[in-house]
Amino acid sequence: MSFSPADATIRLIGPDDSIADLTEFLHRAYAQLAAQGLLYTATWQTDDVTRTRIARGECYLARLGGTLCGTIIFKSASQTSGNPWYDKGDVASFGQFAVDPGLQRKGLGRTLIALAEHRALETGAHEIALDTAEPATHLIALYAKLGYRFIEYAQWGTTNYRSVIMSKTLRQD
């Protein structure tokens, strides 16, 4: 199948979007990581957890035709917290980031990350950060390729791994 990120429509989640469909999509998109034994929240979250997570930021959905094919949650610096780097005050973040496994490595993920980076700049952040599992070396390498650097480790209460906090400078004053 030929695919370009421009083929997808990306927009904020709306009241008519199905939380159940988003939760199921996240489980499917994170299945490979779950098979590796990594308990990302998105591998097990319920619809209620999905609602809670999207309420903490701006949840964007990517659709191809009418089918959900990607998602990302952007959090402004005022919404980002939980460890020393996230608590700095000028660090935005993104999470609950997923692309349909059949569309990975085709540019949609990069488009979603670019959207989060753009929103971070618009909201006045100097950095944008993320966290991922330390054993997910392929994801760490991807983020490094996109300009993200290692900051610190974190241990969240809902995961079974140590997380790597990575960040990218957006602008310098």
C-alpha atoms as a PDB file:
ATOM      1  CA  MET A   1       0.000   0.000   0.000  1.00  0.00           C
ATOM      2  CA  SER A   2       1.330   3.407  -0.955  1.00  0.00           C
ATOM      3  CA  PHE A   3       1.074   5.926   1.865  1.00  0.00           C
ATOM      4  CA  SER A   4       2.170   9.488   2.474  1.00  0.00           C
ATOM      5  CA  PRO A   5       1.642  11.308   5.790  1.00  0.00           C
ATOM      6  CA  ALA A   6      -0.235  13.920   3.747  1.00  0.00           C
ATOM      7  CA  ASP A   7      -2.887  11.244   3.119  1.00  0.00           C
ATOM      8  CA  ALA A   8      -3.844  11.322   6.808  1.00  0.00           C
ATOM      9  CA  THR A   9      -6.118  13.865   8.445  1.00  0.00           C
ATOM     10  CA  ILE A  10      -4.846  15.005  11.858  1.00  0.00           C
ATOM     11  CA  ARG A  11      -7.105  16.824  14.288  1.00  0.00           C
ATOM     12  CA  LEU A  12      -7.896  17.205  17.974  1.00  0.00           C
ATOM     13  CA  ILE A  13     -10.055  14.493  19.469  1.00  0.00           C
ATOM     14  CA  GLY A  14     -13.698  15.486  19.554  1.00  0.00           C
ATOM     15  CA  PRO A  15     -16.843  14.511  21.450  1.00  0.00           C
ATOM     16  CA  ASP A  16     -17.926  12.159  18.653  1.00  0.00           C
ATOM     17  CA  ASP A  17     -14.659  10.174  18.694  1.00  0.00           C
ATOM     18  CA  SER A  18     -14.834   6.789  20.371  1.00  0.00           C
ATOM     19  CA  ILE A  19     -12.697   6.380  23.491  1.00  0.00           C
ATOM     20  CA  ALA A  20     -13.134   2.608  23.178  1.00  0.00           C
ATOM     21  CA  ASP A  21     -11.761   2.696  19.616  1.00  0.00           C
ATOM     22  CA  LEU A  22      -8.787   4.796  20.751  1.00  0.00           C
ATOM     23  CA  THR A  23      -8.070   2.425  23.643  1.00  0.00           C
ATOM     24  CA  GLU A  24      -8.256  -0.597  21.335  1.00  0.00           C
ATOM     25  CA  PHE A  25      -5.991   1.147  18.818  1.00  0.00           C
ATOM     26  CA  LEU A  26      -3.414   1.855  21.540  1.00  0.00           C
ATOM     27  CA  HIS A  27      -3.440  -1.784  22.643  1.00  0.00           C
ATOM     28  CA  ARG A  28      -2.890  -2.872  19.025  1.00  0.00           C
ATOM     29  CA  ALA A  29      -0.180  -0.290  18.353  1.00  0.00           C
ATOM     30  CA  TYR A  30       1.704  -1.208  21.549  1.00  0.00           C
ATOM     31  CA  ALA A  31       1.261  -4.995  21.143  1.00  0.00           C
ATOM     32  CA  GLN A  32       4.854  -5.542  19.974  1.00  0.00           C
ATOM     33  CA  LEU A  33       6.172  -3.764  23.075  1.00  0.00           C
ATOM     34  CA  ALA A  34       3.795  -5.756  25.278  1.00  0.00           C
ATOM     35  CA  ALA A  35       5.081  -8.959  23.651  1.00  0.00           C
ATOM     36  CA  GLN A  36       8.563  -7.909  24.807  1.00  0.00           C
ATOM     37  CA  GLY A  37       7.199  -7.768  28.360  1.00  0.00           C
ATOM     38  CA  LEU A  38       7.133  -3.961  28.554  1.00  0.00           C
ATOM     39  CA  LEU A  39       4.051  -2.746  30.381  1.00  0.00           C
ATOM     40  CA  TYR A  40       3.613   0.694  28.869  1.00  0.00           C
ATOM     41  CA  THR A  41       0.369   2.179  30.157  1.00  0.00           C
ATOM     42  CA  ALA A  42      -0.999   2.007  26.604  1.00  0.00           C
ATOM     43  CA  THR A  43      -0.620  -1.792  26.638  1.00  0.00           C
ATOM     44  CA  TRP A  44      -3.177  -2.281  29.397  1.00  0.00           C
ATOM     45  CA  GLN A  45      -5.119   0.944  29.925  1.00  0.00           C
ATOM     46  CA  THR A  46      -8.883   0.920  30.231  1.00  0.00           C
ATOM     47  CA  ASP A  47     -11.236   3.396  28.580  1.00  0.00           C
ATOM     48  CA  ASP A  48     -11.297   5.349  31.858  1.00  0.00           C
ATOM     49  CA  VAL A  49      -7.495   5.611  31.850  1.00  0.00           C
ATOM     50  CA  THR A  50      -7.621   6.749  28.212  1.00  0.00           C
ATOM     51  CA  ARG A  51     -10.126   9.483  29.172  1.00  0.00           C
ATOM     52  CA  THR A  52      -7.929  10.594  32.077  1.00  0.00           C
ATOM     53  CA  ARG A  53      -4.802  10.729  29.929  1.00  0.00           C
ATOM     54  CA  ILE A  54      -6.403  12.721  27.110  1.00  0.00           C
ATOM     55  CA  ALA A  55      -7.880  15.180  29.621  1.00  0.00           C
ATOM     56  CA  ARG A  56      -4.321  16.077  30.716  1.00  0.00           C
ATOM     57  CA  GLY A  57      -3.295  17.519  27.358  1.00  0.00           C
ATOM     58  CA  GLU A  58      -4.238  17.915  23.716  1.00  0.00           C
ATOM     59  CA  CYS A  59      -4.994  14.564  22.117  1.00  0.00           C
ATOM     60  CA  TYR A  60      -4.546  14.473  18.350  1.00  0.00           C
ATOM     61  CA  LEU A  61      -5.885  11.707  16.150  1.00  0.00           C
ATOM     62  CA  ALA A  62      -4.640  10.798  12.691  1.00  0.00           C
ATOM     63  CA  ARG A  63      -7.131   9.132  10.383  1.00  0.00           C
ATOM     64  CA  LEU A  64      -6.712   7.567   6.987  1.00  0.00           C
ATOM     65  CA  GLY A  65     -10.114   7.512   5.395  1.00  0.00           C
ATOM     66  CA  GLY A  66     -12.234   6.982   8.483  1.00  0.00           C
ATOM     67  CA  THR A  67      -9.742   4.654  10.167  1.00  0.00           C
ATOM     68  CA  LEU A  68      -7.680   5.686  13.168  1.00  0.00           C
ATOM     69  CA  CYS A  69      -4.003   5.311  12.246  1.00  0.00           C
ATOM     70  CA  GLY A  70      -2.101   7.449  14.768  1.00  0.00           C
ATOM     71  CA  THR A  71      -2.336   9.489  17.946  1.00  0.00           C
ATOM     72  CA  ILE A  72      -0.273  11.712  20.195  1.00  0.00           C
ATOM     73  CA  ILE A  73      -0.946  13.722  23.331  1.00  0.00           C
ATOM     74  CA  PHE A  74       0.797  17.078  23.621  1.00  0.00           C
ATOM     75  CA  LYS A  75       1.213  18.650  27.055  1.00  0.00           C
ATOM     76  CA  SER A  76       2.253  22.275  27.459  1.00  0.00           C
ATOM     77  CA  ALA A  77       4.921  23.125  30.028  1.00  0.00           C
ATOM     78  CA  SER A  78       2.202  23.954  32.567  1.00  0.00           C
ATOM     79  CA  GLN A  79       0.726  20.459  32.064  1.00  0.00           C
ATOM     80  CA  THR A  80       4.071  18.630  32.169  1.00  0.00           C
ATOM     81  CA  SER A  81       5.226  17.336  35.546  1.00  0.00           C
ATOM     82  CA  GLY A  82       6.330  14.259  37.413  1.00  0.00           C
ATOM     83  CA  ASN A  83      10.131  14.293  37.578  1.00  0.00           C
ATOM     84  CA  PRO A  84      12.868  16.943  37.925  1.00  0.00           C
ATOM     85  CA  TRP A  85      13.158  17.586  34.163  1.00  0.00           C
ATOM     86  CA  TYR A  86       9.402  17.696  33.569  1.00  0.00           C
ATOM     87  CA  ASP A  87       8.994  20.058  36.540  1.00  0.00           C
ATOM     88  CA  LYS A  88      11.379  22.714  35.145  1.00  0.00           C
ATOM     89  CA  GLY A  89       8.617  25.033  33.942  1.00  0.00           C
ATOM     90  CA  ASP A  90       9.737  25.515  30.337  1.00  0.00           C
ATOM     91  CA  VAL A  91       9.556  21.864  29.241  1.00  0.00           C
ATOM     92  CA  ALA A  92       6.545  20.646  27.271  1.00  0.00           C
ATOM     93  CA  SER A  93       6.079  16.958  26.543  1.00  0.00           C
ATOM     94  CA  PHE A  94       4.308  14.391  24.447  1.00  0.00           C
ATOM     95  CA  GLY A  95       3.131  10.885  25.147  1.00  0.00           C
ATOM     96  CA  GLN A  96       0.562   8.227  24.373  1.00  0.00           C
ATOM     97  CA  PHE A  97       2.158   8.331  20.941  1.00  0.00           C
ATOM     98  CA  ALA A  98       1.220   5.552  18.535  1.00  0.00           C
ATOM     99  CA  VAL A  99       1.148   4.773  14.832  1.00  0.00           C
ATOM    100  CA  ASP A 100      -0.626   1.826  13.263  1.00  0.00           C
ATOM    101  CA  PRO A 101       1.988  -0.943  12.921  1.00  0.00           C
ATOM    102  CA  GLY A 102       1.302  -1.224   9.180  1.00  0.00           C
ATOM    103  CA  LEU A 103       2.091   2.465   8.683  1.00  0.00           C
ATOM    104  CA  GLN A 104       5.220   2.713  10.821  1.00  0.00           C
ATOM    105  CA  ARG A 105       8.404   3.965   9.148  1.00  0.00           C
ATOM    106  CA  LYS A 106       6.374   5.883   6.559  1.00  0.00           C
ATOM    107  CA  GLY A 107       6.554   9.365   8.107  1.00  0.00           C
ATOM    108  CA  LEU A 108       3.289   9.606  10.020  1.00  0.00           C
ATOM    109  CA  GLY A 109       5.007   9.348  13.407  1.00  0.00           C
ATOM    110  CA  ARG A 110       7.438  12.090  12.451  1.00  0.00           C
ATOM    111  CA  THR A 111       4.484  14.249  11.364  1.00  0.00           C
ATOM    112  CA  LEU A 112       2.769  13.743  14.734  1.00  0.00           C
ATOM    113  CA  ILE A 113       5.978  14.555  16.625  1.00  0.00           C
ATOM    114  CA  ALA A 114       6.474  17.683  14.470  1.00  0.00           C
ATOM    115  CA  LEU A 115       2.943  18.754  15.421  1.00  0.00           C
ATOM    116  CA  ALA A 116       3.781  18.371  19.124  1.00  0.00           C
ATOM    117  CA  GLU A 117       7.036  20.301  18.648  1.00  0.00           C
ATOM    118  CA  HIS A 118       5.152  23.082  16.859  1.00  0.00           C
ATOM    119  CA  ARG A 119       2.570  23.258  19.663  1.00  0.00           C
ATOM    120  CA  ALA A 120       5.386  23.405  22.216  1.00  0.00           C
ATOM    121  CA  LEU A 121       6.865  26.432  20.446  1.00  0.00           C
ATOM    122  CA  GLU A 122       3.430  28.055  20.201  1.00  0.00           C
ATOM    123  CA  THR A 123       2.918  27.644  23.946  1.00  0.00           C
ATOM    124  CA  GLY A 124       6.316  29.150  24.802  1.00  0.00           C
ATOM    125  CA  ALA A 125       8.263  26.034  25.792  1.00  0.00           C
ATOM    126  CA  HIS A 126      12.016  25.952  25.259  1.00  0.00           C
ATOM    127  CA  GLU A 127      12.197  22.150  25.342  1.00  0.00           C
ATOM    128  CA  ILE A 128       9.951  19.237  24.496  1.00  0.00           C
ATOM    129  CA  ALA A 129      10.460  15.949  26.281  1.00  0.00           C
ATOM    130  CA  LEU A 130       9.231  12.371  26.243  1.00  0.00           C
ATOM    131  CA  ASP A 131       9.835   9.186  28.124  1.00  0.00           C
ATOM    132  CA  THR A 132      10.146   5.633  26.904  1.00  0.00           C
ATOM    133  CA  ALA A 133      11.272   2.282  28.252  1.00  0.00           C
ATOM    134  CA  GLU A 134      15.017   1.855  28.662  1.00  0.00           C
ATOM    135  CA  PRO A 135      14.851  -1.607  27.007  1.00  0.00           C
ATOM    136  CA  ALA A 136      13.087  -0.118  23.929  1.00  0.00           C
ATOM    137  CA  THR A 137      16.412   0.705  22.293  1.00  0.00           C
ATOM    138  CA  HIS A 138      14.823   1.020  18.835  1.00  0.00           C
ATOM    139  CA  LEU A 139      12.613   3.861  20.131  1.00  0.00           C
ATOM    140  CA  ILE A 140      15.512   5.549  21.907  1.00  0.00           C
ATOM    141  CA  ALA A 141      17.482   5.420  18.645  1.00  0.00           C
ATOM    142  CA  LEU A 142      14.541   6.862  16.706  1.00  0.00           C
ATOM    143  CA  TYR A 143      14.146   9.777  19.104  1.00  0.00           C
ATOM    144  CA  ALA A 144      17.901  10.409  19.087  1.00  0.00           C
ATOM    145  CA  LYS A 145      17.797  10.538  15.279  1.00  0.00           C
ATOM    146  CA  LEU A 146      15.082  13.203  15.609  1.00  0.00           C
ATOM    147  CA  GLY A 147      17.306  15.360  17.827  1.00  0.00           C
ATOM    148  CA  TYR A 148      16.262  14.179  21.294  1.00  0.00           C
ATOM    149  CA  ARG A 149      18.976  13.656  23.898  1.00  0.00           C
ATOM    150  CA  PHE A 150      19.164  11.673  27.124  1.00  0.00           C
ATOM    151  CA  ILE A 151      18.302  13.691  30.244  1.00  0.00           C
ATOM    152  CA  GLU A 152      17.681  11.297  33.128  1.00  0.00           C
ATOM    153  CA  TYR A 153      15.987   8.119  34.234  1.00  0.00           C
ATOM    154  CA  ALA A 154      12.576   7.845  35.887  1.00  0.00           C
ATOM    155  CA  GLN A 155      10.647   5.021  37.486  1.00  0.00           C
ATOM    156  CA  TRP A 156       6.889   5.378  37.130  1.00  0.00           C
ATOM    157  CA  GLY A 157       4.539   3.491  39.409  1.00  0.00           C
ATOM    158  CA  THR A 158       2.487   2.080  36.517  1.00  0.00           C
ATOM    159  CA  THR A 159       5.284   0.465  34.498  1.00  0.00           C
ATOM    160  CA  ASN A 160       7.637  -2.468  34.965  1.00  0.00           C
ATOM    161  CA  TYR A 161      10.741  -0.804  33.533  1.00  0.00           C
ATOM    162  CA  ARG A 162      12.979   2.177  34.073  1.00  0.00           C
ATOM    163  CA  SER A 163      12.135   5.031  31.721  1.00  0.00           C
ATOM    164  CA  VAL A 164      14.538   7.168  29.767  1.00  0.00           C
ATOM    165  CA  ILE A 165      13.648  10.870  29.711  1.00  0.00           C
ATOM    166  CA  MET A 166      14.718  12.461  26.432  1.00  0.00           C
ATOM    167  CA  SER A 167      14.387  16.107  25.430  1.00  0.00           C
ATOM    168  CA  LYS A 168      14.918  18.378  22.462  1.00  0.00           C
ATOM    169  CA  THR A 169      15.763  22.078  22.548  1.00  0.00           C
ATOM    170  CA  LEU A 170      13.267  24.044  20.516  1.00  0.00           C
ATOM    171  CA  ARG A 171      14.779  27.486  20.726  1.00  0.00           C
ATOM    172  CA  GLN A 172      17.408  29.369  22.615  1.00  0.00           C
ATOM    173  CA  ASP A 173      16.947  32.869  23.993  1.00  0.00           C
END
